[in-house]
């Protein structure tokens, strides 16, 4: 029997905000199949926004509690 692929979880509506590399960041979506998250760095400044995909383990503990990957 083949493994069932987990769906991506859209989190942009939850407004999960934190500081990553001393820059304000916002979580966009969570990929449970490879345990990574998409974030937008510098979301508050409209001139420079950077999209990144980072490992779930690099998030602060407070953010991990909100997402709950299990």
PDB file of N, CA and C in Angstrom:
ATOM      1  N   UNK A   1       0.839  -1.171   0.000  1.00  0.00           N
ATOM      2  CA  UNK A   1       0.000   0.000   0.000  1.00  0.00           C
ATOM      3  C   UNK A   1       0.891   1.244   0.000  1.00  0.00           C
ATOM      4  N   UNK A   2       0.573   2.177  -0.827  1.00  0.00           N
ATOM      5  CA  UNK A   2       1.366   3.402  -0.965  1.00  0.00           C
ATOM      6  C   UNK A   2       1.069   4.358   0.188  1.00  0.00           C
ATOM      7  N   UNK A   3       2.098   5.138   0.544  1.00  0.00           N
ATOM      8  CA  UNK A   3       1.911   6.133   1.596  1.00  0.00           C
ATOM      9  C   UNK A   3       1.055   7.271   1.068  1.00  0.00           C
ATOM     10  N   UNK A   4       0.222   7.789   1.939  1.00  0.00           N
ATOM     11  CA  UNK A   4      -0.617   8.921   1.580  1.00  0.00           C
ATOM     12  C   UNK A   4       0.172  10.210   1.785  1.00  0.00           C
ATOM     13  N   UNK A   5       0.233  11.048   0.770  1.00  0.00           N
ATOM     14  CA  UNK A   5       0.958  12.308   0.859  1.00  0.00           C
ATOM     15  C   UNK A   5       0.124  13.316   1.648  1.00  0.00           C
ATOM     16  N   UNK A   6       0.748  13.939   2.651  1.00  0.00           N
ATOM     17  CA  UNK A   6       0.049  14.925   3.464  1.00  0.00           C
ATOM     18  C   UNK A   6      -0.095  16.224   2.680  1.00  0.00           C
ATOM     19  N   UNK A   7      -1.203  16.892   2.892  1.00  0.00           N
ATOM     20  CA  UNK A   7      -1.471  18.155   2.201  1.00  0.00           C
ATOM     21  C   UNK A   7      -0.740  19.318   2.865  1.00  0.00           C
ATOM     22  N   UNK A   8      -0.479  20.332   2.085  1.00  0.00           N
ATOM     23  CA  UNK A   8       0.118  21.561   2.608  1.00  0.00           C
ATOM     24  C   UNK A   8      -0.936  22.299   3.416  1.00  0.00           C
ATOM     25  N   UNK A   9      -0.507  22.906   4.513  1.00  0.00           N
ATOM     26  CA  UNK A   9      -1.426  23.626   5.387  1.00  0.00           C
ATOM     27  C   UNK A   9      -1.210  25.119   5.207  1.00  0.00           C
ATOM     28  N   UNK A  10      -2.223  25.814   4.745  1.00  0.00           N
ATOM     29  CA  UNK A  10      -2.165  27.257   4.522  1.00  0.00           C
ATOM     30  C   UNK A  10      -2.355  27.974   5.853  1.00  0.00           C
ATOM     31  N   UNK A  11      -1.393  28.811   6.249  1.00  0.00           N
ATOM     32  CA  UNK A  11      -1.423  29.491   7.545  1.00  0.00           C
ATOM     33  C   UNK A  11      -1.414  31.011   7.432  1.00  0.00           C
ATOM     34  N   UNK A  12      -1.534  31.545   6.245  1.00  0.00           N
ATOM     35  CA  UNK A  12      -1.446  33.003   6.075  1.00  0.00           C
ATOM     36  C   UNK A  12      -2.589  33.733   6.773  1.00  0.00           C
ATOM     37  N   UNK A  13      -3.745  33.113   6.912  1.00  0.00           N
ATOM     38  CA  UNK A  13      -4.877  33.774   7.551  1.00  0.00           C
ATOM     39  C   UNK A  13      -4.741  33.823   9.073  1.00  0.00           C
ATOM     40  N   UNK A  14      -3.851  33.006   9.653  1.00  0.00           N
ATOM     41  CA  UNK A  14      -3.682  32.973  11.108  1.00  0.00           C
ATOM     42  C   UNK A  14      -2.779  34.074  11.641  1.00  0.00           C
ATOM     43  N   UNK A  15      -2.087  34.796  10.776  1.00  0.00           N
ATOM     44  CA  UNK A  15      -1.210  35.905  11.188  1.00  0.00           C
ATOM     45  C   UNK A  15      -0.191  35.460  12.244  1.00  0.00           C
ATOM     46  N   UNK A  16       0.589  34.432  11.937  1.00  0.00           N
ATOM     47  CA  UNK A  16       1.630  33.944  12.846  1.00  0.00           C
ATOM     48  C   UNK A  16       2.895  34.755  12.591  1.00  0.00           C
ATOM     49  N   UNK A  17       3.228  35.622  13.536  1.00  0.00           N
ATOM     50  CA  UNK A  17       4.341  36.549  13.390  1.00  0.00           C
ATOM     51  C   UNK A  17       5.446  36.212  14.387  1.00  0.00           C
ATOM     52  N   UNK A  18       6.692  36.376  13.959  1.00  0.00           N
ATOM     53  CA  UNK A  18       7.848  36.145  14.823  1.00  0.00           C
ATOM     54  C   UNK A  18       9.049  36.851  14.224  1.00  0.00           C
ATOM     55  N   UNK A  19      10.167  36.828  14.948  1.00  0.00           N
ATOM     56  CA  UNK A  19      11.401  37.450  14.467  1.00  0.00           C
ATOM     57  C   UNK A  19      12.367  36.358  14.043  1.00  0.00           C
ATOM     58  N   UNK A  20      12.818  36.406  12.792  1.00  0.00           N
ATOM     59  CA  UNK A  20      13.766  35.430  12.255  1.00  0.00           C
ATOM     60  C   UNK A  20      14.950  36.194  11.693  1.00  0.00           C
ATOM     61  N   UNK A  21      16.144  35.883  12.197  1.00  0.00           N
ATOM     62  CA  UNK A  21      17.362  36.584  11.797  1.00  0.00           C
ATOM     63  C   UNK A  21      17.209  38.101  11.977  1.00  0.00           C
ATOM     64  N   UNK A  22      16.631  38.489  13.107  1.00  0.00           N
ATOM     65  CA  UNK A  22      16.419  39.890  13.489  1.00  0.00           C
ATOM     66  C   UNK A  22      15.566  40.670  12.488  1.00  0.00           C
ATOM     67  N   UNK A  23      14.694  39.972  11.793  1.00  0.00           N
ATOM     68  CA  UNK A  23      13.791  40.591  10.827  1.00  0.00           C
ATOM     69  C   UNK A  23      12.373  40.117  11.124  1.00  0.00           C
ATOM     70  N   UNK A  24      11.379  41.007  11.102  1.00  0.00           N
ATOM     71  CA  UNK A  24      10.003  40.541  11.316  1.00  0.00           C
ATOM     72  C   UNK A  24       9.593  39.585  10.203  1.00  0.00           C
ATOM     73  N   UNK A  25       8.977  38.465  10.596  1.00  0.00           N
ATOM     74  CA  UNK A  25       8.613  37.428   9.634  1.00  0.00           C
ATOM     75  C   UNK A  25       7.197  36.935   9.891  1.00  0.00           C
ATOM     76  N   UNK A  26       6.601  36.378   8.848  1.00  0.00           N
ATOM     77  CA  UNK A  26       5.240  35.858   8.925  1.00  0.00           C
ATOM     78  C   UNK A  26       5.209  34.481   8.273  1.00  0.00           C
ATOM     79  N   UNK A  27       4.565  33.510   8.927  1.00  0.00           N
ATOM     80  CA  UNK A  27       4.443  32.160   8.392  1.00  0.00           C
ATOM     81  C   UNK A  27       3.332  32.144   7.346  1.00  0.00           C
ATOM     82  N   UNK A  28       3.618  31.565   6.173  1.00  0.00           N
ATOM     83  CA  UNK A  28       2.647  31.499   5.081  1.00  0.00           C
ATOM     84  C   UNK A  28       2.010  30.120   4.972  1.00  0.00           C
ATOM     85  N   UNK A  29       2.839  29.071   4.867  1.00  0.00           N
ATOM     86  CA  UNK A  29       2.297  27.711   4.779  1.00  0.00           C
ATOM     87  C   UNK A  29       3.267  26.707   5.361  1.00  0.00           C
ATOM     88  N   UNK A  30       2.718  25.548   5.748  1.00  0.00           N
ATOM     89  CA  UNK A  30       3.489  24.473   6.368  1.00  0.00           C
ATOM     90  C   UNK A  30       3.390  23.232   5.499  1.00  0.00           C
ATOM     91  N   UNK A  31       4.542  22.599   5.231  1.00  0.00           N
ATOM     92  CA  UNK A  31       4.610  21.378   4.427  1.00  0.00           C
ATOM     93  C   UNK A  31       4.927  20.199   5.351  1.00  0.00           C
ATOM     94  N   UNK A  32       3.932  19.415   5.776  1.00  0.00           N
ATOM     95  CA  UNK A  32       4.189  18.327   6.720  1.00  0.00           C
ATOM     96  C   UNK A  32       5.001  17.175   6.129  1.00  0.00           C
ATOM     97  N   UNK A  33       4.965  16.969   4.811  1.00  0.00           N
ATOM     98  CA  UNK A  33       5.683  15.842   4.216  1.00  0.00           C
ATOM     99  C   UNK A  33       7.195  16.006   4.305  1.00  0.00           C
ATOM    100  N   UNK A  34       7.704  17.241   4.340  1.00  0.00           N
ATOM    101  CA  UNK A  34       9.148  17.438   4.509  1.00  0.00           C
ATOM    102  C   UNK A  34       9.478  18.365   5.679  1.00  0.00           C
ATOM    103  N   UNK A  35       8.470  18.688   6.517  1.00  0.00           N
ATOM    104  CA  UNK A  35       8.631  19.471   7.744  1.00  0.00           C
ATOM    105  C   UNK A  35       9.343  20.800   7.506  1.00  0.00           C
ATOM    106  N   UNK A  36       8.853  21.583   6.547  1.00  0.00           N
ATOM    107  CA  UNK A  36       9.368  22.921   6.289  1.00  0.00           C
ATOM    108  C   UNK A  36       8.212  23.916   6.288  1.00  0.00           C
ATOM    109  N   UNK A  37       8.550  25.194   6.405  1.00  0.00           N
ATOM    110  CA  UNK A  37       7.551  26.254   6.344  1.00  0.00           C
ATOM    111  C   UNK A  37       8.006  27.333   5.373  1.00  0.00           C
ATOM    112  N   UNK A  38       7.051  27.949   4.715  1.00  0.00           N
ATOM    113  CA  UNK A  38       7.321  29.132   3.894  1.00  0.00           C
ATOM    114  C   UNK A  38       7.090  30.350   4.765  1.00  0.00           C
ATOM    115  N   UNK A  39       8.033  31.296   4.730  1.00  0.00           N
ATOM    116  CA  UNK A  39       7.877  32.532   5.484  1.00  0.00           C
ATOM    117  C   UNK A  39       8.128  33.722   4.565  1.00  0.00           C
ATOM    118  N   UNK A  40       7.622  34.870   4.979  1.00  0.00           N
ATOM    119  CA  UNK A  40       7.905  36.136   4.305  1.00  0.00           C
ATOM    120  C   UNK A  40       8.661  36.976   5.314  1.00  0.00           C
ATOM    121  N   UNK A  41       9.875  37.356   4.965  1.00  0.00           N
ATOM    122  CA  UNK A  41      10.672  38.217   5.832  1.00  0.00           C
ATOM    123  C   UNK A  41      10.498  39.658   5.397  1.00  0.00           C
ATOM    124  N   UNK A  42      10.401  40.547   6.374  1.00  0.00           N
ATOM    125  CA  UNK A  42      10.250  41.961   6.069  1.00  0.00           C
ATOM    126  C   UNK A  42       8.878  42.288   5.538  1.00  0.00           C
ATOM    127  N   UNK A  43       7.848  41.575   6.023  1.00  0.00           N
ATOM    128  CA  UNK A  43       6.488  41.780   5.533  1.00  0.00           C
ATOM    129  C   UNK A  43       5.957  43.165   5.864  1.00  0.00           C
ATOM    130  N   UNK A  44       6.469  43.783   6.945  1.00  0.00           N
ATOM    131  CA  UNK A  44       5.936  45.084   7.358  1.00  0.00           C
ATOM    132  C   UNK A  44       6.446  46.229   6.499  1.00  0.00           C
ATOM    133  N   UNK A  45       7.617  46.045   5.882  1.00  0.00           N
ATOM    134  CA  UNK A  45       8.130  47.087   4.992  1.00  0.00           C
ATOM    135  C   UNK A  45       7.792  46.698   3.561  1.00  0.00           C
ATOM    136  N   UNK A  46       7.096  47.550   2.876  1.00  0.00           N
ATOM    137  CA  UNK A  46       6.615  47.210   1.530  1.00  0.00           C
ATOM    138  C   UNK A  46       7.717  47.254   0.470  1.00  0.00           C
ATOM    139  N   UNK A  47       8.876  47.811   0.799  1.00  0.00           N
ATOM    140  CA  UNK A  47       9.926  47.939  -0.212  1.00  0.00           C
ATOM    141  C   UNK A  47      10.707  46.655  -0.423  1.00  0.00           C
ATOM    142  N   UNK A  48      10.925  45.872   0.640  1.00  0.00           N
ATOM    143  CA  UNK A  48      11.748  44.671   0.496  1.00  0.00           C
ATOM    144  C   UNK A  48      11.102  43.493   1.230  1.00  0.00           C
ATOM    145  N   UNK A  49      10.497  42.584   0.476  1.00  0.00           N
ATOM    146  CA  UNK A  49       9.925  41.360   1.029  1.00  0.00           C
ATOM    147  C   UNK A  49      10.701  40.187   0.463  1.00  0.00           C
ATOM    148  N   UNK A  50      11.045  39.253   1.331  1.00  0.00           N
ATOM    149  CA  UNK A  50      11.818  38.103   0.903  1.00  0.00           C
ATOM    150  C   UNK A  50      11.091  36.825   1.319  1.00  0.00           C
ATOM    151  N   UNK A  51      10.823  35.943   0.358  1.00  0.00           N
ATOM    152  CA  UNK A  51      10.185  34.661   0.628  1.00  0.00           C
ATOM    153  C   UNK A  51      11.264  33.619   0.858  1.00  0.00           C
ATOM    154  N   UNK A  52      11.105  32.821   1.920  1.00  0.00           N
ATOM    155  CA  UNK A  52      12.062  31.772   2.235  1.00  0.00           C
ATOM    156  C   UNK A  52      11.322  30.497   2.623  1.00  0.00           C
ATOM    157  N   UNK A  53      11.986  29.373   2.419  1.00  0.00           N
ATOM    158  CA  UNK A  53      11.513  28.087   2.893  1.00  0.00           C
ATOM    159  C   UNK A  53      12.538  27.612   3.914  1.00  0.00           C
ATOM    160  N   UNK A  54      12.116  27.470   5.180  1.00  0.00           N
ATOM    161  CA  UNK A  54      13.040  27.086   6.238  1.00  0.00           C
ATOM    162  C   UNK A  54      12.543  25.819   6.936  1.00  0.00           C
ATOM    163  N   UNK A  55      13.439  25.076   7.588  1.00  0.00           N
ATOM    164  CA  UNK A  55      13.017  23.889   8.341  1.00  0.00           C
ATOM    165  C   UNK A  55      12.137  24.264   9.531  1.00  0.00           C
ATOM    166  N   UNK A  56      11.196  23.402   9.846  1.00  0.00           N
ATOM    167  CA  UNK A  56      10.291  23.613  10.973  1.00  0.00           C
ATOM    168  C   UNK A  56      11.074  23.754  12.278  1.00  0.00           C
ATOM    169  N   UNK A  57      12.180  23.038  12.411  1.00  0.00           N
ATOM    170  CA  UNK A  57      12.985  23.056  13.630  1.00  0.00           C
ATOM    171  C   UNK A  57      13.614  24.415  13.904  1.00  0.00           C
ATOM    172  N   UNK A  58      13.734  25.287  12.936  1.00  0.00           N
ATOM    173  CA  UNK A  58      14.336  26.602  13.119  1.00  0.00           C
ATOM    174  C   UNK A  58      13.358  27.641  13.644  1.00  0.00           C
ATOM    175  N   UNK A  59      12.093  27.278  13.764  1.00  0.00           N
ATOM    176  CA  UNK A  59      11.090  28.214  14.277  1.00  0.00           C
ATOM    177  C   UNK A  59      11.196  28.324  15.797  1.00  0.00           C
ATOM    178  N   UNK A  60      10.788  29.461  16.356  1.00  0.00           N
ATOM    179  CA  UNK A  60      10.747  29.593  17.812  1.00  0.00           C
ATOM    180  C   UNK A  60       9.715  28.635  18.414  1.00  0.00           C
ATOM    181  N   UNK A  61       9.921  28.269  19.663  1.00  0.00           N
ATOM    182  CA  UNK A  61       9.045  27.313  20.337  1.00  0.00           C
ATOM    183  C   UNK A  61       7.594  27.794  20.379  1.00  0.00           C
ATOM    184  N   UNK A  62       7.394  29.085  20.533  1.00  0.00           N
ATOM    185  CA  UNK A  62       6.032  29.633  20.600  1.00  0.00           C
ATOM    186  C   UNK A  62       5.279  29.435  19.282  1.00  0.00           C
ATOM    187  N   UNK A  63       5.985  29.519  18.170  1.00  0.00           N
ATOM    188  CA  UNK A  63       5.364  29.319  16.854  1.00  0.00           C
ATOM    189  C   UNK A  63       5.084  27.835  16.614  1.00  0.00           C
ATOM    190  N   UNK A  64       5.986  26.980  17.055  1.00  0.00           N
ATOM    191  CA  UNK A  64       5.788  25.539  16.905  1.00  0.00           C
ATOM    192  C   UNK A  64       4.533  25.075  17.623  1.00  0.00           C
ATOM    193  N   UNK A  65       4.249  25.663  18.778  1.00  0.00           N
ATOM    194  CA  UNK A  65       3.045  25.297  19.532  1.00  0.00           C
ATOM    195  C   UNK A  65       1.774  25.665  18.777  1.00  0.00           C
ATOM    196  N   UNK A  66       1.809  26.736  18.020  1.00  0.00           N
ATOM    197  CA  UNK A  66       0.641  27.166  17.246  1.00  0.00           C
ATOM    198  C   UNK A  66       0.392  26.240  16.070  1.00  0.00           C
ATOM    199  N   UNK A  67       1.466  25.842  15.371  1.00  0.00           N
ATOM    200  CA  UNK A  67       1.330  25.023  14.159  1.00  0.00           C
ATOM    201  C   UNK A  67       0.969  23.571  14.484  1.00  0.00           C
ATOM    202  N   UNK A  68       1.597  22.971  15.485  1.00  0.00           N
ATOM    203  CA  UNK A  68       1.357  21.580  15.906  1.00  0.00           C
ATOM    204  C   UNK A  68       1.387  20.618  14.729  1.00  0.00           C
ATOM    205  N   UNK A  69       2.540  20.127  14.333  1.00  0.00           N
ATOM    206  CA  UNK A  69       2.651  19.283  13.122  1.00  0.00           C
ATOM    207  C   UNK A  69       2.004  17.910  13.233  1.00  0.00           C
ATOM    208  N   UNK A  70       1.751  17.400  14.423  1.00  0.00           N
ATOM    209  CA  UNK A  70       1.182  16.046  14.547  1.00  0.00           C
ATOM    210  C   UNK A  70      -0.274  16.015  14.297  1.00  0.00           C
TER     211      UNK A  70
END
